[in-house]
Amino acid sequence: MYKNSLIAHFDASQTAIGVIFSMAIVMLGLSAAVAGTWGQRSA
């Protein structure tokens, strides 16, 4: 949906946009795991 807009705005390739998106999803998952563990210990 937004891929073409991102490619045009940042003058990047589809591969670069895909890699950045994948890295963002991995970081989201890791932060959720850490925050969930921390939240369980605090409760």
PDB file of N, CA and C in Angstrom:
ATOM      1  N   MET A   1       0.830  -1.189   0.000  1.00  0.00           N
ATOM      2  CA  MET A   1       0.000   0.000   0.000  1.00  0.00           C
ATOM      3  C   MET A   1       0.879   1.260   0.000  1.00  0.00           C
ATOM      4  N   TYR A   2       1.800   1.341   0.922  1.00  0.00           N
ATOM      5  CA  TYR A   2       2.655   2.526   1.024  1.00  0.00           C
ATOM      6  C   TYR A   2       4.024   2.322   0.384  1.00  0.00           C
ATOM      7  N   LYS A   3       4.277   1.133  -0.114  1.00  0.00           N
ATOM      8  CA  LYS A   3       5.618   0.817  -0.616  1.00  0.00           C
ATOM      9  C   LYS A   3       6.037   1.752  -1.747  1.00  0.00           C
ATOM     10  N   ASN A   4       5.162   1.982  -2.701  1.00  0.00           N
ATOM     11  CA  ASN A   4       5.523   2.856  -3.822  1.00  0.00           C
ATOM     12  C   ASN A   4       5.789   4.283  -3.359  1.00  0.00           C
ATOM     13  N   SER A   5       5.029   4.763  -2.400  1.00  0.00           N
ATOM     14  CA  SER A   5       5.252   6.109  -1.862  1.00  0.00           C
ATOM     15  C   SER A   5       6.598   6.194  -1.154  1.00  0.00           C
ATOM     16  N   LEU A   6       6.945   5.167  -0.382  1.00  0.00           N
ATOM     17  CA  LEU A   6       8.233   5.149   0.311  1.00  0.00           C
ATOM     18  C   LEU A   6       9.392   5.074  -0.675  1.00  0.00           C
ATOM     19  N   ILE A   7       9.236   4.262  -1.714  1.00  0.00           N
ATOM     20  CA  ILE A   7      10.281   4.145  -2.728  1.00  0.00           C
ATOM     21  C   ILE A   7      10.509   5.489  -3.402  1.00  0.00           C
ATOM     22  N   ALA A   8       9.438   6.179  -3.738  1.00  0.00           N
ATOM     23  CA  ALA A   8       9.567   7.479  -4.404  1.00  0.00           C
ATOM     24  C   ALA A   8      10.142   8.535  -3.461  1.00  0.00           C
ATOM     25  N   HIS A   9       9.681   8.560  -2.231  1.00  0.00           N
ATOM     26  CA  HIS A   9      10.109   9.590  -1.286  1.00  0.00           C
ATOM     27  C   HIS A   9      11.585   9.452  -0.913  1.00  0.00           C
ATOM     28  N   PHE A  10      12.014   8.227  -0.620  1.00  0.00           N
ATOM     29  CA  PHE A  10      13.385   8.003  -0.167  1.00  0.00           C
ATOM     30  C   PHE A  10      14.333   7.608  -1.294  1.00  0.00           C
ATOM     31  N   ASP A  11      13.800   7.474  -2.503  1.00  0.00           N
ATOM     32  CA  ASP A  11      14.600   7.060  -3.662  1.00  0.00           C
ATOM     33  C   ASP A  11      15.358   5.775  -3.341  1.00  0.00           C
ATOM     34  N   ALA A  12      14.619   4.789  -2.830  1.00  0.00           N
ATOM     35  CA  ALA A  12      15.203   3.523  -2.403  1.00  0.00           C
ATOM     36  C   ALA A  12      14.642   2.385  -3.257  1.00  0.00           C
ATOM     37  N   SER A  13      15.284   1.233  -3.172  1.00  0.00           N
ATOM     38  CA  SER A  13      14.811   0.062  -3.905  1.00  0.00           C
ATOM     39  C   SER A  13      13.747  -0.673  -3.087  1.00  0.00           C
ATOM     40  N   GLN A  14      13.033  -1.572  -3.764  1.00  0.00           N
ATOM     41  CA  GLN A  14      12.039  -2.378  -3.060  1.00  0.00           C
ATOM     42  C   GLN A  14      12.710  -3.263  -2.013  1.00  0.00           C
ATOM     43  N   THR A  15      13.893  -3.738  -2.326  1.00  0.00           N
ATOM     44  CA  THR A  15      14.630  -4.580  -1.381  1.00  0.00           C
ATOM     45  C   THR A  15      14.971  -3.808  -0.115  1.00  0.00           C
ATOM     46  N   ALA A  16      15.453  -2.582  -0.269  1.00  0.00           N
ATOM     47  CA  ALA A  16      15.816  -1.767   0.896  1.00  0.00           C
ATOM     48  C   ALA A  16      14.596  -1.497   1.767  1.00  0.00           C
ATOM     49  N   ILE A  17      13.480  -1.164   1.158  1.00  0.00           N
ATOM     50  CA  ILE A  17      12.251  -0.911   1.919  1.00  0.00           C
ATOM     51  C   ILE A  17      11.815  -2.186   2.641  1.00  0.00           C
ATOM     52  N   GLY A  18      11.900  -3.328   1.968  1.00  0.00           N
ATOM     53  CA  GLY A  18      11.526  -4.603   2.580  1.00  0.00           C
ATOM     54  C   GLY A  18      12.412  -4.971   3.752  1.00  0.00           C
ATOM     55  N   VAL A  19      13.713  -4.729   3.617  1.00  0.00           N
ATOM     56  CA  VAL A  19      14.652  -5.039   4.698  1.00  0.00           C
ATOM     57  C   VAL A  19      14.366  -4.168   5.914  1.00  0.00           C
ATOM     58  N   ILE A  20      14.156  -2.889   5.699  1.00  0.00           N
ATOM     59  CA  ILE A  20      13.861  -1.981   6.811  1.00  0.00           C
ATOM     60  C   ILE A  20      12.556  -2.380   7.498  1.00  0.00           C
ATOM     61  N   PHE A  21      11.541  -2.726   6.715  1.00  0.00           N
ATOM     62  CA  PHE A  21      10.265  -3.154   7.294  1.00  0.00           C
ATOM     63  C   PHE A  21      10.459  -4.425   8.120  1.00  0.00           C
ATOM     64  N   SER A  22      11.220  -5.376   7.593  1.00  0.00           N
ATOM     65  CA  SER A  22      11.476  -6.620   8.321  1.00  0.00           C
ATOM     66  C   SER A  22      12.224  -6.360   9.620  1.00  0.00           C
ATOM     67  N   MET A  23      13.200  -5.478   9.574  1.00  0.00           N
ATOM     68  CA  MET A  23      13.941  -5.130  10.788  1.00  0.00           C
ATOM     69  C   MET A  23      13.023  -4.474  11.815  1.00  0.00           C
ATOM     70  N   ALA A  24      12.103  -3.647  11.366  1.00  0.00           N
ATOM     71  CA  ALA A  24      11.163  -3.002  12.285  1.00  0.00           C
ATOM     72  C   ALA A  24      10.260  -4.035  12.953  1.00  0.00           C
ATOM     73  N   ILE A  25       9.802  -5.022  12.195  1.00  0.00           N
ATOM     74  CA  ILE A  25       8.942  -6.065  12.760  1.00  0.00           C
ATOM     75  C   ILE A  25       9.713  -6.903  13.779  1.00  0.00           C
ATOM     76  N   VAL A  26      10.973  -7.229  13.477  1.00  0.00           N
ATOM     77  CA  VAL A  26      11.802  -7.990  14.421  1.00  0.00           C
ATOM     78  C   VAL A  26      11.994  -7.193  15.710  1.00  0.00           C
ATOM     79  N   MET A  27      12.312  -5.912  15.591  1.00  0.00           N
ATOM     80  CA  MET A  27      12.508  -5.081  16.781  1.00  0.00           C
ATOM     81  C   MET A  27      11.214  -4.969  17.587  1.00  0.00           C
ATOM     82  N   LEU A  28      10.083  -4.879  16.914  1.00  0.00           N
ATOM     83  CA  LEU A  28       8.796  -4.831  17.605  1.00  0.00           C
ATOM     84  C   LEU A  28       8.572  -6.113  18.404  1.00  0.00           C
ATOM     85  N   GLY A  29       8.853  -7.256  17.793  1.00  0.00           N
ATOM     86  CA  GLY A  29       8.696  -8.531  18.483  1.00  0.00           C
ATOM     87  C   GLY A  29       9.625  -8.674  19.668  1.00  0.00           C
ATOM     88  N   LEU A  30      10.887  -8.288  19.488  1.00  0.00           N
ATOM     89  CA  LEU A  30      11.850  -8.378  20.590  1.00  0.00           C
ATOM     90  C   LEU A  30      11.475  -7.454  21.740  1.00  0.00           C
ATOM     91  N   SER A  31      11.059  -6.250  21.418  1.00  0.00           N
ATOM     92  CA  SER A  31      10.686  -5.318  22.486  1.00  0.00           C
ATOM     93  C   SER A  31       9.432  -5.795  23.213  1.00  0.00           C
ATOM     94  N   ALA A  32       8.511  -6.418  22.497  1.00  0.00           N
ATOM     95  CA  ALA A  32       7.313  -6.950  23.145  1.00  0.00           C
ATOM     96  C   ALA A  32       7.677  -8.094  24.089  1.00  0.00           C
ATOM     97  N   ALA A  33       8.616  -8.939  23.676  1.00  0.00           N
ATOM     98  CA  ALA A  33       9.042 -10.044  24.536  1.00  0.00           C
ATOM     99  C   ALA A  33       9.722  -9.523  25.797  1.00  0.00           C
ATOM    100  N   VAL A  34      10.594  -8.549  25.646  1.00  0.00           N
ATOM    101  CA  VAL A  34      11.295  -7.977  26.800  1.00  0.00           C
ATOM    102  C   VAL A  34      10.316  -7.249  27.712  1.00  0.00           C
ATOM    103  N   ALA A  35       9.449  -6.439  27.139  1.00  0.00           N
ATOM    104  CA  ALA A  35       8.487  -5.687  27.945  1.00  0.00           C
ATOM    105  C   ALA A  35       7.501  -6.623  28.646  1.00  0.00           C
ATOM    106  N   GLY A  36       7.104  -7.694  27.980  1.00  0.00           N
ATOM    107  CA  GLY A  36       6.199  -8.654  28.600  1.00  0.00           C
ATOM    108  C   GLY A  36       6.835  -9.351  29.782  1.00  0.00           C
ATOM    109  N   THR A  37       8.085  -9.751  29.618  1.00  0.00           N
ATOM    110  CA  THR A  37       8.813 -10.391  30.720  1.00  0.00           C
ATOM    111  C   THR A  37       8.990  -9.427  31.879  1.00  0.00           C
ATOM    112  N   TRP A  38       9.371  -8.206  31.573  1.00  0.00           N
ATOM    113  CA  TRP A  38       9.566  -7.186  32.601  1.00  0.00           C
ATOM    114  C   TRP A  38       8.244  -6.882  33.314  1.00  0.00           C
ATOM    115  N   GLY A  39       7.162  -6.827  32.561  1.00  0.00           N
ATOM    116  CA  GLY A  39       5.853  -6.563  33.146  1.00  0.00           C
ATOM    117  C   GLY A  39       5.400  -7.674  34.074  1.00  0.00           C
ATOM    118  N   GLN A  40       5.682  -8.913  33.714  1.00  0.00           N
ATOM    119  CA  GLN A  40       5.307 -10.042  34.561  1.00  0.00           C
ATOM    120  C   GLN A  40       6.106 -10.046  35.867  1.00  0.00           C
ATOM    121  N   ARG A  41       7.359  -9.643  35.802  1.00  0.00           N
ATOM    122  CA  ARG A  41       8.185  -9.600  37.014  1.00  0.00           C
ATOM    123  C   ARG A  41       7.758  -8.472  37.941  1.00  0.00           C
ATOM    124  N   SER A  42       7.275  -7.379  37.367  1.00  0.00           N
ATOM    125  CA  SER A  42       6.881  -6.218  38.169  1.00  0.00           C
ATOM    126  C   SER A  42       5.546  -6.435  38.863  1.00  0.00           C
ATOM    127  N   ALA A  43       4.709  -7.285  38.310  1.00  0.00           N
ATOM    128  CA  ALA A  43       3.362  -7.469  38.853  1.00  0.00           C
ATOM    129  C   ALA A  43       3.328  -8.398  40.036  1.00  0.00           C
TER     130      ALA A  43
END
